[in-house]
Amino acid sequence: MKYTYSIKDEKLFQKLINKGNWYGGNYISLYVLSNNKDTNQIAYGVGKKVGKAFKRNYVKRLLRESYSSLENTAKTGYSLFFVCKNKANFDNISYVEIYNDVYNTLKKAGIVDWKKS
C-alpha cells in the first residue's frame, strides 16, 4: 500500500473511537478521523467472537486486500479504523462480500467517490 501506513499508537486508537466519525456496513464498522497529512493511516480490529485465530487472520487479510484494491481511488489525509462486527456471520464469507462492504462504507464516509475498480 503506497499511501497508507499502519496505526500503532494506542492513543490514536482511542482518539479514533472517541472523536472519529462512525460509519456502519453489513460486516464492518469504520471510524474515520482527519489527520492533516498526505497519507492515510489504517488499522484493523477483529474480535474473538468472530472465531479462532485462523478465521480472524483470514478476515484481516480480506480487509487488507479490499482496501489495497481501493487505495488508488481513496482520498488521502485520513486515519481509518476498520472493526468487524461480532454479530455478523463470517463462516462462508467471500472476498466479494467484504470488498463490497468496504467500498460502500468508504463511500458513505466520502473517502471513495468513484465507481468500483
N, C-alpha and C. Protein backbone atom coordinates (compact mmCIF):
# COMPACT_ATOMS: atom_id res chain seq x y z
N MET A 1 0.83 -1.17 0.00
CA MET A 1 0.00 0.00 0.00
C MET A 1 0.88 1.24 0.00
N LYS A 2 0.75 2.00 -1.03
CA LYS A 2 1.68 3.09 -1.29
C LYS A 2 1.46 4.31 -0.40
N TYR A 3 0.23 4.70 -0.18
CA TYR A 3 -0.06 5.91 0.57
C TYR A 3 -0.70 5.64 1.92
N THR A 4 -0.50 4.47 2.45
CA THR A 4 -1.15 4.08 3.69
C THR A 4 -0.13 3.46 4.64
N TYR A 5 -0.22 3.85 5.90
CA TYR A 5 0.64 3.32 6.94
C TYR A 5 -0.22 2.78 8.07
N SER A 6 0.30 1.82 8.82
CA SER A 6 -0.49 1.22 9.90
C SER A 6 -0.41 2.07 11.16
N ILE A 7 -1.48 1.99 11.94
CA ILE A 7 -1.56 2.71 13.21
C ILE A 7 -1.02 1.79 14.30
N LYS A 8 -0.11 2.31 15.10
CA LYS A 8 0.46 1.51 16.17
C LYS A 8 0.36 2.20 17.53
N ASP A 9 -0.11 3.44 17.54
CA ASP A 9 -0.18 4.22 18.77
C ASP A 9 -1.53 4.01 19.45
N GLU A 10 -1.52 3.59 20.70
CA GLU A 10 -2.75 3.33 21.45
C GLU A 10 -3.59 4.60 21.61
N LYS A 11 -2.95 5.74 21.77
CA LYS A 11 -3.69 6.99 21.94
C LYS A 11 -4.48 7.34 20.68
N LEU A 12 -3.92 7.04 19.52
CA LEU A 12 -4.63 7.32 18.27
C LEU A 12 -5.85 6.41 18.12
N PHE A 13 -5.75 5.16 18.58
CA PHE A 13 -6.91 4.26 18.56
C PHE A 13 -8.04 4.85 19.41
N GLN A 14 -7.71 5.29 20.62
CA GLN A 14 -8.71 5.86 21.50
C GLN A 14 -9.30 7.14 20.92
N LYS A 15 -8.46 7.95 20.30
CA LYS A 15 -8.93 9.19 19.68
C LYS A 15 -9.87 8.89 18.52
N LEU A 16 -9.54 7.88 17.72
CA LEU A 16 -10.40 7.48 16.61
C LEU A 16 -11.77 7.02 17.11
N ILE A 17 -11.79 6.22 18.15
CA ILE A 17 -13.05 5.70 18.66
C ILE A 17 -13.87 6.79 19.34
N ASN A 18 -13.22 7.66 20.10
CA ASN A 18 -13.95 8.67 20.85
C ASN A 18 -14.36 9.88 20.01
N LYS A 19 -13.48 10.35 19.13
CA LYS A 19 -13.73 11.58 18.39
C LYS A 19 -13.99 11.38 16.90
N GLY A 20 -13.74 10.18 16.40
CA GLY A 20 -13.90 9.93 14.98
C GLY A 20 -15.36 9.73 14.59
N ASN A 21 -15.62 9.91 13.31
CA ASN A 21 -16.95 9.67 12.77
C ASN A 21 -17.13 8.17 12.52
N TRP A 22 -18.32 7.66 12.83
CA TRP A 22 -18.60 6.24 12.70
C TRP A 22 -19.48 6.00 11.48
N TYR A 23 -19.13 4.97 10.70
CA TYR A 23 -19.91 4.55 9.55
C TYR A 23 -20.05 3.04 9.61
N GLY A 24 -21.27 2.55 9.42
CA GLY A 24 -21.51 1.12 9.55
C GLY A 24 -21.85 0.46 8.24
N GLY A 25 -21.43 -0.78 8.12
CA GLY A 25 -21.77 -1.62 6.97
C GLY A 25 -22.39 -2.91 7.46
N ASN A 26 -22.51 -3.88 6.58
CA ASN A 26 -23.08 -5.17 6.96
C ASN A 26 -22.13 -5.98 7.83
N TYR A 27 -20.84 -5.93 7.52
CA TYR A 27 -19.86 -6.74 8.23
C TYR A 27 -18.88 -5.92 9.06
N ILE A 28 -18.70 -4.65 8.70
CA ILE A 28 -17.68 -3.85 9.36
C ILE A 28 -18.24 -2.52 9.84
N SER A 29 -17.54 -1.94 10.80
CA SER A 29 -17.76 -0.57 11.23
C SER A 29 -16.48 0.19 10.91
N LEU A 30 -16.61 1.45 10.56
CA LEU A 30 -15.46 2.25 10.17
C LEU A 30 -15.45 3.52 11.00
N TYR A 31 -14.31 3.79 11.64
CA TYR A 31 -14.09 5.04 12.35
C TYR A 31 -13.13 5.87 11.52
N VAL A 32 -13.48 7.13 11.26
CA VAL A 32 -12.70 8.00 10.39
C VAL A 32 -12.39 9.29 11.12
N LEU A 33 -11.14 9.73 11.02
CA LEU A 33 -10.71 10.99 11.60
C LEU A 33 -9.68 11.62 10.67
N SER A 34 -9.78 12.90 10.45
CA SER A 34 -8.81 13.59 9.59
C SER A 34 -7.48 13.70 10.31
N ASN A 35 -6.38 13.44 9.57
CA ASN A 35 -5.05 13.51 10.20
C ASN A 35 -4.17 14.62 9.62
N ASN A 36 -4.67 15.37 8.65
CA ASN A 36 -3.96 16.51 8.06
C ASN A 36 -2.57 16.14 7.53
N LYS A 37 -2.47 14.98 6.91
CA LYS A 37 -1.22 14.52 6.30
C LYS A 37 -1.50 14.15 4.86
N ASP A 38 -0.45 13.84 4.12
CA ASP A 38 -0.61 13.42 2.72
C ASP A 38 -0.81 11.92 2.58
N THR A 39 -0.89 11.23 3.69
CA THR A 39 -1.06 9.77 3.67
C THR A 39 -2.24 9.38 4.55
N ASN A 40 -2.69 8.17 4.38
CA ASN A 40 -3.71 7.59 5.25
C ASN A 40 -3.05 6.70 6.28
N GLN A 41 -3.67 6.62 7.44
CA GLN A 41 -3.26 5.67 8.46
C GLN A 41 -4.41 4.70 8.64
N ILE A 42 -4.09 3.42 8.79
CA ILE A 42 -5.15 2.42 8.82
C ILE A 42 -4.87 1.35 9.87
N ALA A 43 -5.95 0.82 10.44
CA ALA A 43 -5.86 -0.27 11.39
C ALA A 43 -7.08 -1.17 11.22
N TYR A 44 -6.92 -2.42 11.62
CA TYR A 44 -7.99 -3.41 11.51
C TYR A 44 -8.19 -4.05 12.87
N GLY A 45 -9.43 -4.22 13.27
CA GLY A 45 -9.75 -4.88 14.53
C GLY A 45 -10.75 -5.98 14.30
N VAL A 46 -10.39 -7.19 14.73
CA VAL A 46 -11.28 -8.33 14.62
C VAL A 46 -11.33 -9.00 15.99
N GLY A 47 -12.51 -9.04 16.59
CA GLY A 47 -12.67 -9.58 17.93
C GLY A 47 -12.68 -11.09 17.97
N LYS A 48 -12.55 -11.62 19.18
CA LYS A 48 -12.50 -13.07 19.36
C LYS A 48 -13.83 -13.76 19.07
N LYS A 49 -14.93 -13.01 19.09
CA LYS A 49 -16.23 -13.62 18.81
C LYS A 49 -16.39 -13.98 17.34
N VAL A 50 -15.52 -13.44 16.48
CA VAL A 50 -15.57 -13.78 15.06
C VAL A 50 -15.16 -15.23 14.85
N GLY A 51 -14.20 -15.70 15.63
CA GLY A 51 -13.76 -17.09 15.51
C GLY A 51 -12.36 -17.26 16.06
N LYS A 52 -11.81 -18.40 15.77
CA LYS A 52 -10.44 -18.69 16.22
C LYS A 52 -9.44 -17.86 15.42
N ALA A 53 -8.16 -17.96 15.76
CA ALA A 53 -7.13 -17.13 15.15
C ALA A 53 -7.07 -17.28 13.64
N PHE A 54 -7.28 -18.49 13.16
CA PHE A 54 -7.24 -18.73 11.72
C PHE A 54 -8.28 -17.88 10.99
N LYS A 55 -9.50 -17.87 11.51
CA LYS A 55 -10.58 -17.12 10.87
C LYS A 55 -10.36 -15.61 11.03
N ARG A 56 -9.89 -15.17 12.19
CA ARG A 56 -9.64 -13.74 12.40
C ARG A 56 -8.57 -13.23 11.45
N ASN A 57 -7.50 -13.99 11.28
CA ASN A 57 -6.45 -13.59 10.35
C ASN A 57 -6.93 -13.61 8.90
N TYR A 58 -7.79 -14.56 8.58
CA TYR A 58 -8.36 -14.63 7.24
C TYR A 58 -9.21 -13.39 6.94
N VAL A 59 -10.02 -12.98 7.91
CA VAL A 59 -10.86 -11.79 7.73
C VAL A 59 -9.99 -10.55 7.60
N LYS A 60 -8.92 -10.46 8.39
CA LYS A 60 -8.00 -9.32 8.28
C LYS A 60 -7.33 -9.28 6.92
N ARG A 61 -6.95 -10.43 6.39
CA ARG A 61 -6.35 -10.48 5.05
C ARG A 61 -7.34 -9.99 4.00
N LEU A 62 -8.60 -10.40 4.13
CA LEU A 62 -9.62 -9.95 3.18
C LEU A 62 -9.82 -8.43 3.27
N LEU A 63 -9.83 -7.89 4.49
CA LEU A 63 -9.97 -6.45 4.66
C LEU A 63 -8.79 -5.69 4.06
N ARG A 64 -7.58 -6.19 4.32
CA ARG A 64 -6.38 -5.53 3.78
C ARG A 64 -6.40 -5.52 2.25
N GLU A 65 -6.74 -6.64 1.67
CA GLU A 65 -6.77 -6.74 0.21
C GLU A 65 -7.86 -5.87 -0.38
N SER A 66 -9.00 -5.80 0.27
CA SER A 66 -10.10 -4.95 -0.21
C SER A 66 -9.69 -3.49 -0.20
N TYR A 67 -9.07 -3.06 0.90
CA TYR A 67 -8.65 -1.65 0.97
C TYR A 67 -7.53 -1.37 -0.03
N SER A 68 -6.60 -2.30 -0.17
CA SER A 68 -5.47 -2.04 -1.08
C SER A 68 -5.93 -1.94 -2.53
N SER A 69 -6.99 -2.65 -2.89
CA SER A 69 -7.51 -2.53 -4.26
C SER A 69 -8.26 -1.22 -4.46
N LEU A 70 -8.75 -0.61 -3.38
CA LEU A 70 -9.45 0.67 -3.46
C LEU A 70 -8.55 1.86 -3.15
N GLU A 71 -7.31 1.61 -2.78
CA GLU A 71 -6.42 2.67 -2.30
C GLU A 71 -6.17 3.75 -3.36
N ASN A 72 -6.08 3.37 -4.62
CA ASN A 72 -5.79 4.36 -5.67
C ASN A 72 -6.93 5.35 -5.85
N THR A 73 -8.14 4.97 -5.52
CA THR A 73 -9.28 5.87 -5.66
C THR A 73 -9.63 6.59 -4.36
N ALA A 74 -8.96 6.26 -3.26
CA ALA A 74 -9.28 6.84 -1.96
C ALA A 74 -8.57 8.19 -1.78
N LYS A 75 -9.26 9.08 -1.09
CA LYS A 75 -8.66 10.37 -0.75
C LYS A 75 -7.66 10.15 0.38
N THR A 76 -6.65 11.01 0.44
CA THR A 76 -5.65 10.90 1.49
C THR A 76 -5.92 11.93 2.58
N GLY A 77 -5.28 11.73 3.72
CA GLY A 77 -5.41 12.65 4.84
C GLY A 77 -6.36 12.16 5.92
N TYR A 78 -6.54 10.84 6.02
CA TYR A 78 -7.47 10.28 6.99
C TYR A 78 -6.81 9.16 7.80
N SER A 79 -7.30 9.01 9.03
CA SER A 79 -6.98 7.84 9.85
C SER A 79 -8.22 6.96 9.84
N LEU A 80 -8.04 5.70 9.50
CA LEU A 80 -9.16 4.76 9.34
C LEU A 80 -8.98 3.58 10.28
N PHE A 81 -10.07 3.17 10.91
CA PHE A 81 -10.04 2.01 11.80
C PHE A 81 -11.23 1.13 11.43
N PHE A 82 -10.94 -0.02 10.79
CA PHE A 82 -11.96 -0.99 10.41
C PHE A 82 -12.14 -1.97 11.56
N VAL A 83 -13.38 -2.10 12.02
CA VAL A 83 -13.70 -3.04 13.10
C VAL A 83 -14.76 -4.00 12.59
N CYS A 84 -14.53 -5.29 12.72
CA CYS A 84 -15.51 -6.28 12.29
C CYS A 84 -16.62 -6.39 13.33
N LYS A 85 -17.83 -6.48 12.85
CA LYS A 85 -18.97 -6.63 13.75
C LYS A 85 -19.01 -8.07 14.28
N ASN A 86 -19.19 -8.19 15.58
CA ASN A 86 -19.17 -9.51 16.20
C ASN A 86 -20.39 -10.35 15.83
N LYS A 87 -21.53 -9.71 15.59
CA LYS A 87 -22.75 -10.45 15.32
C LYS A 87 -22.87 -10.87 13.86
N ALA A 88 -22.00 -10.39 13.00
CA ALA A 88 -22.05 -10.78 11.59
C ALA A 88 -21.55 -12.21 11.43
N ASN A 89 -22.04 -12.88 10.42
CA ASN A 89 -21.67 -14.28 10.18
C ASN A 89 -20.51 -14.32 9.18
N PHE A 90 -19.34 -14.72 9.64
CA PHE A 90 -18.15 -14.80 8.81
C PHE A 90 -17.82 -16.23 8.40
N ASP A 91 -18.75 -17.16 8.55
CA ASP A 91 -18.46 -18.56 8.27
C ASP A 91 -18.11 -18.81 6.80
N ASN A 92 -18.94 -18.36 5.90
CA ASN A 92 -18.70 -18.59 4.48
C ASN A 92 -18.56 -17.26 3.74
N ILE A 93 -17.78 -16.37 4.30
CA ILE A 93 -17.62 -15.03 3.72
C ILE A 93 -16.69 -15.11 2.51
N SER A 94 -16.99 -14.33 1.50
CA SER A 94 -16.14 -14.30 0.32
C SER A 94 -15.49 -12.93 0.19
N TYR A 95 -14.50 -12.87 -0.66
CA TYR A 95 -13.79 -11.61 -0.90
C TYR A 95 -14.74 -10.57 -1.47
N VAL A 96 -15.64 -10.97 -2.35
CA VAL A 96 -16.55 -10.02 -3.00
C VAL A 96 -17.47 -9.36 -1.97
N GLU A 97 -17.95 -10.12 -1.00
CA GLU A 97 -18.82 -9.56 0.03
C GLU A 97 -18.08 -8.54 0.89
N ILE A 98 -16.86 -8.88 1.29
CA ILE A 98 -16.06 -7.95 2.08
C ILE A 98 -15.71 -6.72 1.26
N TYR A 99 -15.31 -6.92 0.00
CA TYR A 99 -14.95 -5.81 -0.87
C TYR A 99 -16.12 -4.84 -1.03
N ASN A 100 -17.31 -5.37 -1.30
CA ASN A 100 -18.49 -4.51 -1.46
C ASN A 100 -18.81 -3.76 -0.18
N ASP A 101 -18.65 -4.41 0.96
CA ASP A 101 -18.93 -3.75 2.23
C ASP A 101 -17.91 -2.64 2.51
N VAL A 102 -16.64 -2.92 2.25
CA VAL A 102 -15.59 -1.90 2.44
C VAL A 102 -15.83 -0.73 1.49
N TYR A 103 -16.14 -1.03 0.25
CA TYR A 103 -16.39 0.02 -0.74
C TYR A 103 -17.58 0.89 -0.33
N ASN A 104 -18.69 0.27 0.05
CA ASN A 104 -19.89 1.02 0.42
C ASN A 104 -19.66 1.85 1.69
N THR A 105 -18.92 1.32 2.64
CA THR A 105 -18.64 2.05 3.86
C THR A 105 -17.72 3.24 3.59
N LEU A 106 -16.69 3.04 2.77
CA LEU A 106 -15.82 4.16 2.41
C LEU A 106 -16.56 5.20 1.59
N LYS A 107 -17.51 4.76 0.79
CA LYS A 107 -18.32 5.69 0.01
C LYS A 107 -19.22 6.52 0.92
N LYS A 108 -19.81 5.89 1.95
CA LYS A 108 -20.61 6.63 2.94
C LYS A 108 -19.77 7.69 3.64
N ALA A 109 -18.51 7.35 3.91
CA ALA A 109 -17.62 8.27 4.62
C ALA A 109 -17.11 9.38 3.71
N GLY A 110 -17.30 9.24 2.40
CA GLY A 110 -16.84 10.26 1.47
C GLY A 110 -15.37 10.14 1.13
N ILE A 111 -14.79 9.00 1.38
CA ILE A 111 -13.37 8.79 1.09
C ILE A 111 -13.18 8.26 -0.32
N VAL A 112 -14.13 7.46 -0.80
CA VAL A 112 -14.09 6.95 -2.17
C VAL A 112 -15.32 7.49 -2.88
N ASP A 113 -15.13 8.24 -3.95
CA ASP A 113 -16.25 8.80 -4.69
C ASP A 113 -16.45 8.14 -6.04
N TRP A 114 -15.49 7.36 -6.47
CA TRP A 114 -15.52 6.82 -7.82
C TRP A 114 -16.26 5.51 -7.85
N LYS A 115 -16.47 5.04 -9.07
CA LYS A 115 -17.10 3.73 -9.24
C LYS A 115 -16.13 2.63 -8.84
N LYS A 116 -16.66 1.44 -8.64
CA LYS A 116 -15.82 0.31 -8.25
C LYS A 116 -14.77 0.06 -9.30
N SER A 117 -13.56 -0.29 -8.82
CA SER A 117 -12.48 -0.58 -9.78
C SER A 117 -12.34 -2.06 -10.00
